[in-house]
Amino acid sequence: MTDAEWEATWTTNASAFDRVRSVVMALPEPKSAAWLADHARVSESTASEHLDRLIDMGLVAAHTSDNDPRYGPDPAYIRFREIRELTADYDRAELREFVAELKASIETIDEQYDAATPEELRATANEPAVSAETARELRDAAADWEHYDYRLGLLNDAINRYDAYTESATPA
């Protein structure tokens, strides 16, 4: 299927709201309404209307700097969705195993680089005597560490709220 055929199928079969939602929810960083409109194949005013609705629904967050609003997935919504997926896919014992594995990974980085935080790794990477290859390695290790910390937070939230998120009966 060519790009033009795919675009025609998408605009024919997906509503403007669904196109805006799918584009904004896939963003790694916030974008302007104009950018989103272009990629969702809608007018900017239509994109803005749908973005306002998505904000009201708690799916999207607006980030404003210099009177230039940008839109992206709401971090709280993304975090909750990830926790729900963890509690739906794994039991509490498996989640605890993942916690142990992540802690071991962090300890390995800590021991390998003798650093207490990812920021220390980045500071070392910026030292003049550090080669470009070592600096890349240190920055990658810092990014891994931060990712592990984020995942640990998700896992701990999933474990702590496991019963609430896995109950089959809805509260009255």
C-alpha atoms as a PDB file:
ATOM      1  CA  MET A   1       0.000   0.000   0.000  1.00  0.00           C
ATOM      2  CA  THR A   2       1.402   3.395  -0.949  1.00  0.00           C
ATOM      3  CA  ASP A   3       1.487   6.343   1.442  1.00  0.00           C
ATOM      4  CA  ALA A   4      -1.326   8.023  -0.484  1.00  0.00           C
ATOM      5  CA  GLU A   5      -3.469   4.875  -0.303  1.00  0.00           C
ATOM      6  CA  TRP A   6      -2.763   4.483   3.397  1.00  0.00           C
ATOM      7  CA  GLU A   7      -3.640   8.132   4.045  1.00  0.00           C
ATOM      8  CA  ALA A   8      -6.885   7.811   2.074  1.00  0.00           C
ATOM      9  CA  THR A   9      -7.839   4.692   4.022  1.00  0.00           C
ATOM     10  CA  TRP A  10      -6.977   6.370   7.316  1.00  0.00           C
ATOM     11  CA  THR A  11      -8.943   9.556   6.626  1.00  0.00           C
ATOM     12  CA  THR A  12     -11.908   7.550   5.312  1.00  0.00           C
ATOM     13  CA  ASN A  13     -12.072   4.985   8.114  1.00  0.00           C
ATOM     14  CA  ALA A  14     -10.965   6.945  11.180  1.00  0.00           C
ATOM     15  CA  SER A  15     -12.823   9.942  12.564  1.00  0.00           C
ATOM     16  CA  ALA A  16     -11.019  13.257  12.938  1.00  0.00           C
ATOM     17  CA  PHE A  17     -11.121  12.784  16.719  1.00  0.00           C
ATOM     18  CA  ASP A  18      -9.549   9.319  16.460  1.00  0.00           C
ATOM     19  CA  ARG A  19      -6.828  10.593  14.134  1.00  0.00           C
ATOM     20  CA  VAL A  20      -5.936  13.484  16.453  1.00  0.00           C
ATOM     21  CA  ARG A  21      -5.968  11.144  19.462  1.00  0.00           C
ATOM     22  CA  SER A  22      -3.773   8.551  17.773  1.00  0.00           C
ATOM     23  CA  VAL A  23      -1.227  11.147  16.645  1.00  0.00           C
ATOM     24  CA  VAL A  24      -0.960  12.950  19.995  1.00  0.00           C
ATOM     25  CA  MET A  25      -0.818   9.731  22.038  1.00  0.00           C
ATOM     26  CA  ALA A  26       2.145   8.495  19.980  1.00  0.00           C
ATOM     27  CA  LEU A  27       4.272  11.578  20.639  1.00  0.00           C
ATOM     28  CA  PRO A  28       7.551  11.251  22.518  1.00  0.00           C
ATOM     29  CA  GLU A  29       7.513  15.029  23.103  1.00  0.00           C
ATOM     30  CA  PRO A  30       4.763  17.692  22.936  1.00  0.00           C
ATOM     31  CA  LYS A  31       3.917  19.277  19.580  1.00  0.00           C
ATOM     32  CA  SER A  32       1.864  22.276  18.453  1.00  0.00           C
ATOM     33  CA  ALA A  33      -1.772  22.053  17.376  1.00  0.00           C
ATOM     34  CA  ALA A  34      -0.678  22.982  13.847  1.00  0.00           C
ATOM     35  CA  TRP A  35       1.796  20.091  13.724  1.00  0.00           C
ATOM     36  CA  LEU A  36      -0.814  17.692  15.086  1.00  0.00           C
ATOM     37  CA  ALA A  37      -3.427  18.957  12.611  1.00  0.00           C
ATOM     38  CA  ASP A  38      -1.069  18.369   9.712  1.00  0.00           C
ATOM     39  CA  HIS A  39      -0.237  14.831  10.817  1.00  0.00           C
ATOM     40  CA  ALA A  40      -3.865  13.965  11.652  1.00  0.00           C
ATOM     41  CA  ARG A  41      -5.051  15.427   8.338  1.00  0.00           C
ATOM     42  CA  VAL A  42      -7.502  17.857   9.944  1.00  0.00           C
ATOM     43  CA  SER A  43      -7.746  21.636  10.182  1.00  0.00           C
ATOM     44  CA  GLU A  44      -5.962  23.354  13.037  1.00  0.00           C
ATOM     45  CA  SER A  45      -9.283  24.459  14.568  1.00  0.00           C
ATOM     46  CA  THR A  46     -10.568  20.865  14.451  1.00  0.00           C
ATOM     47  CA  ALA A  47      -7.354  19.631  16.048  1.00  0.00           C
ATOM     48  CA  SER A  48      -7.653  22.289  18.776  1.00  0.00           C
ATOM     49  CA  GLU A  49     -11.263  21.304  19.531  1.00  0.00           C
ATOM     50  CA  HIS A  50     -10.331  17.638  19.811  1.00  0.00           C
ATOM     51  CA  LEU A  51      -7.230  18.428  21.878  1.00  0.00           C
ATOM     52  CA  ASP A  52      -9.405  20.387  24.331  1.00  0.00           C
ATOM     53  CA  ARG A  53     -11.711  17.374  24.601  1.00  0.00           C
ATOM     54  CA  LEU A  54      -8.738  15.034  25.132  1.00  0.00           C
ATOM     55  CA  ILE A  55      -7.440  17.355  27.862  1.00  0.00           C
ATOM     56  CA  ASP A  56     -10.870  17.283  29.542  1.00  0.00           C
ATOM     57  CA  MET A  57     -10.772  13.477  29.358  1.00  0.00           C
ATOM     58  CA  GLY A  58      -7.380  13.438  31.110  1.00  0.00           C
ATOM     59  CA  LEU A  59      -5.572  11.807  28.184  1.00  0.00           C
ATOM     60  CA  VAL A  60      -3.606  14.822  26.964  1.00  0.00           C
ATOM     61  CA  ALA A  61      -1.708  17.607  28.704  1.00  0.00           C
ATOM     62  CA  ALA A  62      -1.041  21.080  27.339  1.00  0.00           C
ATOM     63  CA  HIS A  63       2.453  22.477  27.865  1.00  0.00           C
ATOM     64  CA  THR A  64       2.667  26.231  27.390  1.00  0.00           C
ATOM     65  CA  SER A  65       5.851  28.222  27.095  1.00  0.00           C
ATOM     66  CA  ASP A  66       6.174  31.603  25.417  1.00  0.00           C
ATOM     67  CA  ASN A  67       2.432  31.507  24.584  1.00  0.00           C
ATOM     68  CA  ASP A  68       3.119  28.518  22.345  1.00  0.00           C
ATOM     69  CA  PRO A  69       0.948  25.647  23.593  1.00  0.00           C
ATOM     70  CA  ARG A  70       2.160  22.166  22.814  1.00  0.00           C
ATOM     71  CA  TYR A  71       0.293  18.951  23.421  1.00  0.00           C
ATOM     72  CA  GLY A  72       1.335  15.474  24.423  1.00  0.00           C
ATOM     73  CA  PRO A  73       0.118  12.449  26.337  1.00  0.00           C
ATOM     74  CA  ASP A  74      -0.738  13.247  29.956  1.00  0.00           C
ATOM     75  CA  PRO A  75       2.060  11.695  32.061  1.00  0.00           C
ATOM     76  CA  ALA A  76      -0.378  10.702  34.832  1.00  0.00           C
ATOM     77  CA  TYR A  77      -2.611   8.918  32.329  1.00  0.00           C
ATOM     78  CA  ILE A  78       0.363   7.114  30.771  1.00  0.00           C
ATOM     79  CA  ARG A  79       1.621   6.070  34.201  1.00  0.00           C
ATOM     80  CA  PHE A  80      -1.796   4.757  35.248  1.00  0.00           C
ATOM     81  CA  ARG A  81      -2.191   2.883  31.959  1.00  0.00           C
ATOM     82  CA  GLU A  82       1.212   1.231  32.418  1.00  0.00           C
ATOM     83  CA  ILE A  83       0.352   0.211  35.987  1.00  0.00           C
ATOM     84  CA  ARG A  84      -2.983  -1.232  34.800  1.00  0.00           C
ATOM     85  CA  GLU A  85      -1.162  -3.248  32.147  1.00  0.00           C
ATOM     86  CA  LEU A  86       1.283  -4.603  34.723  1.00  0.00           C
ATOM     87  CA  THR A  87      -1.496  -5.668  37.098  1.00  0.00           C
ATOM     88  CA  ALA A  88      -3.483  -7.201  34.241  1.00  0.00           C
ATOM     89  CA  ASP A  89      -0.548  -9.157  32.815  1.00  0.00           C
ATOM     90  CA  TYR A  90       1.343 -10.298  35.926  1.00  0.00           C
ATOM     91  CA  ASP A  91       0.620 -11.546  39.409  1.00  0.00           C
ATOM     92  CA  ARG A  92       2.112  -9.924  42.487  1.00  0.00           C
ATOM     93  CA  ALA A  93       4.943 -12.499  42.740  1.00  0.00           C
ATOM     94  CA  GLU A  94       6.019 -11.835  39.142  1.00  0.00           C
ATOM     95  CA  LEU A  95       6.007  -8.092  39.785  1.00  0.00           C
ATOM     96  CA  ARG A  96       8.247  -8.624  42.822  1.00  0.00           C
ATOM     97  CA  GLU A  97      10.622 -10.676  40.644  1.00  0.00           C
ATOM     98  CA  PHE A  98      10.814  -7.781  38.183  1.00  0.00           C
ATOM     99  CA  VAL A  99      11.630  -5.432  41.081  1.00  0.00           C
ATOM    100  CA  ALA A 100      14.495  -7.692  42.155  1.00  0.00           C
ATOM    101  CA  GLU A 101      15.824  -7.864  38.580  1.00  0.00           C
ATOM    102  CA  LEU A 102      15.736  -4.085  38.159  1.00  0.00           C
ATOM    103  CA  LYS A 103      17.438  -3.511  41.505  1.00  0.00           C
ATOM    104  CA  ALA A 104      20.171  -5.941  40.457  1.00  0.00           C
ATOM    105  CA  SER A 105      20.599  -4.055  37.171  1.00  0.00           C
ATOM    106  CA  ILE A 106      20.951  -0.756  39.028  1.00  0.00           C
ATOM    107  CA  GLU A 107      23.459  -2.294  41.449  1.00  0.00           C
ATOM    108  CA  THR A 108      25.490  -3.571  38.494  1.00  0.00           C
ATOM    109  CA  ILE A 109      25.662  -0.078  36.986  1.00  0.00           C
ATOM    110  CA  ASP A 110      26.510   1.411  40.385  1.00  0.00           C
ATOM    111  CA  GLU A 111      29.316  -1.107  40.928  1.00  0.00           C
ATOM    112  CA  GLN A 112      30.638  -0.914  37.368  1.00  0.00           C
ATOM    113  CA  TYR A 113      30.916   2.870  37.377  1.00  0.00           C
ATOM    114  CA  ASP A 114      31.176   3.575  41.123  1.00  0.00           C
ATOM    115  CA  ALA A 115      28.399   6.153  40.933  1.00  0.00           C
ATOM    116  CA  ALA A 116      25.523   6.800  43.309  1.00  0.00           C
ATOM    117  CA  THR A 117      23.188   8.458  40.792  1.00  0.00           C
ATOM    118  CA  PRO A 118      22.653   8.822  37.043  1.00  0.00           C
ATOM    119  CA  GLU A 119      23.641  12.486  37.421  1.00  0.00           C
ATOM    120  CA  GLU A 120      27.069  11.396  38.675  1.00  0.00           C
ATOM    121  CA  LEU A 121      27.502   9.285  35.550  1.00  0.00           C
ATOM    122  CA  ARG A 122      26.632  12.266  33.348  1.00  0.00           C
ATOM    123  CA  ALA A 123      29.005  14.514  35.273  1.00  0.00           C
ATOM    124  CA  THR A 124      31.797  11.990  34.730  1.00  0.00           C
ATOM    125  CA  ALA A 125      30.896  11.779  31.032  1.00  0.00           C
ATOM    126  CA  ASN A 126      31.398  15.546  30.749  1.00  0.00           C
ATOM    127  CA  GLU A 127      34.892  15.550  32.232  1.00  0.00           C
ATOM    128  CA  PRO A 128      37.535  16.671  29.707  1.00  0.00           C
ATOM    129  CA  ALA A 129      39.718  13.564  30.112  1.00  0.00           C
ATOM    130  CA  VAL A 130      36.884  11.166  29.223  1.00  0.00           C
ATOM    131  CA  SER A 131      36.947   9.811  25.667  1.00  0.00           C
ATOM    132  CA  ALA A 132      33.938  10.171  23.385  1.00  0.00           C
ATOM    133  CA  GLU A 133      33.289   6.423  23.498  1.00  0.00           C
ATOM    134  CA  THR A 134      33.401   6.318  27.299  1.00  0.00           C
ATOM    135  CA  ALA A 135      31.198   9.417  27.510  1.00  0.00           C
ATOM    136  CA  ARG A 136      28.578   7.700  25.303  1.00  0.00           C
ATOM    137  CA  GLU A 137      28.790   4.582  27.457  1.00  0.00           C
ATOM    138  CA  LEU A 138      28.310   6.638  30.632  1.00  0.00           C
ATOM    139  CA  ARG A 139      25.347   8.554  29.187  1.00  0.00           C
ATOM    140  CA  ASP A 140      23.767   5.278  28.033  1.00  0.00           C
ATOM    141  CA  ALA A 141      24.259   3.774  31.499  1.00  0.00           C
ATOM    142  CA  ALA A 142      22.695   6.893  33.074  1.00  0.00           C
ATOM    143  CA  ALA A 143      19.697   6.626  30.733  1.00  0.00           C
ATOM    144  CA  ASP A 144      19.335   2.921  31.553  1.00  0.00           C
ATOM    145  CA  TRP A 145      19.488   3.690  35.262  1.00  0.00           C
ATOM    146  CA  GLU A 146      16.777   6.345  34.957  1.00  0.00           C
ATOM    147  CA  HIS A 147      14.625   3.940  32.955  1.00  0.00           C
ATOM    148  CA  TYR A 148      15.087   1.273  35.630  1.00  0.00           C
ATOM    149  CA  ASP A 149      14.156   3.799  38.337  1.00  0.00           C
ATOM    150  CA  TYR A 150      11.003   4.726  36.420  1.00  0.00           C
ATOM    151  CA  ARG A 151      10.056   1.069  35.956  1.00  0.00           C
ATOM    152  CA  LEU A 152      10.735   0.416  39.665  1.00  0.00           C
ATOM    153  CA  GLY A 153       8.282   3.171  40.543  1.00  0.00           C
ATOM    154  CA  LEU A 154       5.656   1.638  38.270  1.00  0.00           C
ATOM    155  CA  LEU A 155       6.231  -1.831  39.673  1.00  0.00           C
ATOM    156  CA  ASN A 156       6.061  -0.636  43.271  1.00  0.00           C
ATOM    157  CA  ASP A 157       2.820   1.237  42.556  1.00  0.00           C
ATOM    158  CA  ALA A 158       1.413  -1.865  40.848  1.00  0.00           C
ATOM    159  CA  ILE A 159       2.368  -4.057  43.818  1.00  0.00           C
ATOM    160  CA  ASN A 160       1.024  -1.594  46.396  1.00  0.00           C
ATOM    161  CA  ARG A 161      -2.290  -1.142  44.553  1.00  0.00           C
ATOM    162  CA  TYR A 162      -2.551  -4.643  43.141  1.00  0.00           C
ATOM    163  CA  ASP A 163      -5.785  -5.549  44.914  1.00  0.00           C
ATOM    164  CA  ALA A 164      -7.488  -2.296  43.920  1.00  0.00           C
ATOM    165  CA  TYR A 165      -6.542  -2.711  40.255  1.00  0.00           C
ATOM    166  CA  THR A 166      -7.372  -6.395  39.969  1.00  0.00           C
ATOM    167  CA  GLU A 167     -10.722  -6.530  41.762  1.00  0.00           C
ATOM    168  CA  SER A 168     -13.394  -7.886  39.463  1.00  0.00           C
ATOM    169  CA  ALA A 169     -16.260  -6.107  41.193  1.00  0.00           C
ATOM    170  CA  THR A 170     -16.627  -2.389  40.734  1.00  0.00           C
ATOM    171  CA  PRO A 171     -17.208  -0.313  43.856  1.00  0.00           C
ATOM    172  CA  ALA A 172     -20.758   0.928  44.401  1.00  0.00           C
END
